[in-house]
Protein backbone atom coordinates (compact mmCIF):
# COMPACT_ATOMS: atom_id res chain seq x y z
CA MET A 1 -34.91 -14.37 -25.04
CA HIS A 2 -34.13 -10.94 -23.63
CA VAL A 3 -36.88 -8.29 -23.73
CA VAL A 4 -35.98 -4.61 -23.40
CA VAL A 5 -38.80 -2.06 -23.15
CA GLY A 6 -38.91 1.65 -22.40
CA GLY A 7 -40.03 5.00 -23.65
CA ALA A 8 -39.17 6.38 -27.07
CA PHE A 9 -35.67 7.88 -27.26
CA ASN A 10 -34.78 6.64 -23.77
CA GLY A 11 -31.55 4.88 -24.74
CA LYS A 12 -32.72 1.30 -25.34
CA ARG A 13 -30.60 0.82 -28.47
CA LYS A 14 -27.49 2.28 -26.86
CA TRP A 15 -28.00 0.18 -23.72
CA VAL A 16 -28.37 -3.05 -25.73
CA LYS A 17 -25.25 -2.28 -27.78
CA LYS A 18 -23.25 -1.72 -24.60
CA PHE A 19 -24.72 -4.71 -22.72
CA TYR A 20 -23.94 -7.13 -25.56
CA ALA A 21 -20.66 -5.39 -26.54
CA LEU A 22 -21.91 -4.88 -30.09
CA ASP A 23 -19.24 -3.02 -32.01
CA ASP A 24 -17.81 -3.25 -35.51
CA THR A 25 -16.10 -6.55 -34.69
CA ALA A 26 -19.17 -8.30 -33.22
CA SER A 27 -21.27 -10.73 -35.24
CA TYR A 28 -24.95 -9.95 -34.90
CA GLN A 29 -28.13 -9.35 -36.90
CA TRP A 30 -30.21 -6.22 -36.27
CA PHE A 31 -33.79 -5.96 -37.51
CA CYS A 32 -35.41 -2.55 -37.17
CA GLY A 33 -39.20 -2.16 -37.28
CA TYR A 34 -38.77 1.46 -38.30
CA ASP A 35 -37.18 0.36 -41.58
CA GLU A 36 -40.00 0.01 -44.09
CA GLN A 37 -38.01 -2.57 -46.07
CA ILE A 38 -38.28 -5.18 -43.31
CA HIS A 39 -41.51 -7.12 -43.04
CA ILE A 40 -42.87 -9.39 -40.36
CA ALA A 41 -42.24 -12.48 -42.52
CA ASP A 42 -38.50 -11.69 -42.28
CA LEU A 43 -38.69 -12.41 -38.55
CA PHE A 44 -40.70 -15.61 -38.76
CA HIS A 45 -37.95 -17.53 -40.53
CA THR A 46 -34.94 -17.78 -38.25
CA LYS A 47 -32.46 -19.13 -40.80
CA GLN A 48 -30.94 -15.65 -41.32
CA PHE A 49 -30.51 -15.03 -37.57
CA GLU A 50 -27.03 -14.61 -36.11
CA LYS A 51 -25.66 -15.67 -32.70
CA ILE A 52 -27.09 -12.43 -31.34
CA THR A 53 -30.22 -11.24 -33.11
CA ILE A 54 -31.84 -7.97 -32.15
CA ILE A 55 -35.40 -7.14 -33.12
CA GLU A 56 -35.94 -3.43 -32.50
CA GLY A 57 -39.29 -1.67 -32.77
CA ILE A 58 -41.35 -4.78 -32.09
CA GLU A 59 -44.42 -2.57 -31.75
CA GLN A 60 -44.11 -1.75 -35.47
CA TYR A 61 -44.09 -5.46 -36.32
CA ILE A 62 -47.12 -5.98 -34.09
CA PHE A 63 -48.88 -3.28 -36.12
CA GLN A 64 -48.03 -5.18 -39.32
CA ILE A 65 -49.38 -8.43 -37.88
CA MET A 66 -52.64 -6.79 -36.79
CA ASN A 67 -53.21 -5.37 -40.25
CA GLN A 68 -52.27 -8.51 -42.19
CA PHE A 69 -53.83 -11.35 -40.22
CA ALA A 70 -57.36 -11.74 -38.87
CA GLU A 71 -56.01 -14.26 -36.35
CA TRP A 72 -53.04 -12.08 -35.45
CA ARG A 73 -52.63 -13.55 -31.94
CA ASN A 74 -52.11 -17.03 -33.45
CA TYR A 75 -49.50 -15.67 -35.87
CA TRP A 76 -47.76 -13.85 -33.01
CA ASP A 77 -47.70 -17.00 -30.86
CA MET A 78 -46.27 -19.10 -33.70
CA MET A 79 -43.56 -16.53 -34.38
CA VAL A 80 -42.52 -16.26 -30.73
CA GLU A 81 -42.45 -20.06 -30.46
CA ALA A 82 -40.22 -20.20 -33.57
CA TRP A 83 -37.83 -17.78 -31.81
CA ARG A 84 -37.87 -19.89 -28.64
CA GLY A 85 -37.21 -23.05 -30.65
CA TRP A 86 -34.25 -21.40 -32.36
CA GLU A 87 -32.82 -20.42 -28.97
CA LYS A 88 -33.48 -23.87 -27.45
CA GLU A 89 -31.44 -25.39 -30.27
CA GLY A 90 -28.52 -23.38 -28.89
CA LYS A 91 -28.17 -21.17 -31.94
CA GLY A 92 -28.09 -17.88 -30.05
CA THR A 93 -29.97 -15.18 -28.22
CA ILE A 94 -32.83 -13.03 -29.44
CA VAL A 95 -33.11 -9.55 -27.98
CA VAL A 96 -36.49 -7.87 -28.50
CA ILE A 97 -36.63 -4.09 -28.08
CA GLY A 98 -39.97 -2.31 -27.86
CA ASN A 99 -41.26 1.18 -27.25
CA ASP A 100 -43.82 1.18 -24.48
CA ILE A 101 -46.81 2.78 -26.18
CA THR A 102 -49.27 1.59 -23.53
CA LYS A 103 -48.87 4.58 -21.22
CA GLY A 104 -50.04 8.16 -21.55
CA ILE A 105 -53.03 9.64 -23.31
CA VAL A 106 -55.37 7.09 -24.89
CA PRO A 107 -55.63 7.74 -28.65
CA VAL A 108 -58.95 8.85 -30.13
CA ASP A 109 -58.48 6.75 -33.27
CA GLN A 110 -59.87 3.22 -32.85
CA GLN A 111 -57.06 1.56 -34.82
CA GLU A 112 -54.47 3.29 -32.62
CA ARG A 113 -56.27 2.05 -29.48
CA LEU A 114 -56.39 -1.51 -30.83
CA TRP A 115 -52.68 -1.34 -31.63
CA ARG A 116 -51.94 -0.10 -28.13
CA ASP A 117 -53.94 -2.99 -26.64
CA ALA A 118 -52.24 -5.51 -28.94
CA CYS A 119 -48.81 -4.25 -27.86
CA GLY A 120 -49.81 -4.72 -24.23
CA PHE A 121 -50.88 -8.32 -24.87
CA CYS A 122 -47.80 -9.11 -26.97
CA PHE A 123 -45.37 -7.54 -24.50
CA GLN A 124 -46.95 -9.65 -21.72
CA ASP A 125 -46.48 -12.78 -23.85
CA LEU A 126 -42.85 -11.88 -24.50
CA VAL A 127 -42.03 -11.17 -20.88
CA LYS A 128 -43.58 -14.46 -19.72
CA LYS A 129 -41.40 -16.39 -22.16
CA ALA A 130 -38.26 -14.29 -21.76
CA ASP A 131 -35.22 -15.31 -19.76
CA ARG A 132 -34.47 -11.67 -18.97
CA PHE A 133 -36.53 -8.46 -18.96
CA ASP A 134 -35.19 -4.93 -18.58
CA ILE A 135 -36.95 -1.58 -18.58
CA ILE A 136 -34.86 1.36 -19.80
CA TRP A 137 -35.71 4.89 -18.77
CA TYR A 138 -33.34 7.76 -19.57
CA GLY A 139 -30.50 5.35 -20.34
CA LEU A 140 -30.75 3.47 -17.03
CA ASN A 141 -31.92 -0.12 -16.84
CA GLU A 142 -34.01 -1.81 -14.22
CA ARG A 143 -33.91 -5.58 -14.44
CA LEU A 144 -37.31 -7.04 -13.58
CA LYS A 145 -36.67 -10.64 -14.59
């Protein structure tokens, strides 16, 4: 698993496309958390994944999990383990892209604070289990793992 995190509009998508040479001829699946038509359940079942599967906006999916499941951490763990199992079977690589919403001014709204905390926990889980971790700021990557 490859985790890519950085600030909003800092070039994460462009960097991933260039790093994996994703053009019109490449075979890949791209899930975008900013698309309201895609739900967290779409990511739990890996049968529709391609050799390279990108999950962008993971913080939006984390928000969905928090609001749908009382035991959201368990659901998150099961989903990440399903991804790891898919990769261990040699089916491909999963690239997870997330906006780092854990920095800056702490929100006043309690739900926003809980979401921010959940993203911090989930990003830590992802990075521990990832084979590679990059931070992207202003289009430049720094590989940390």
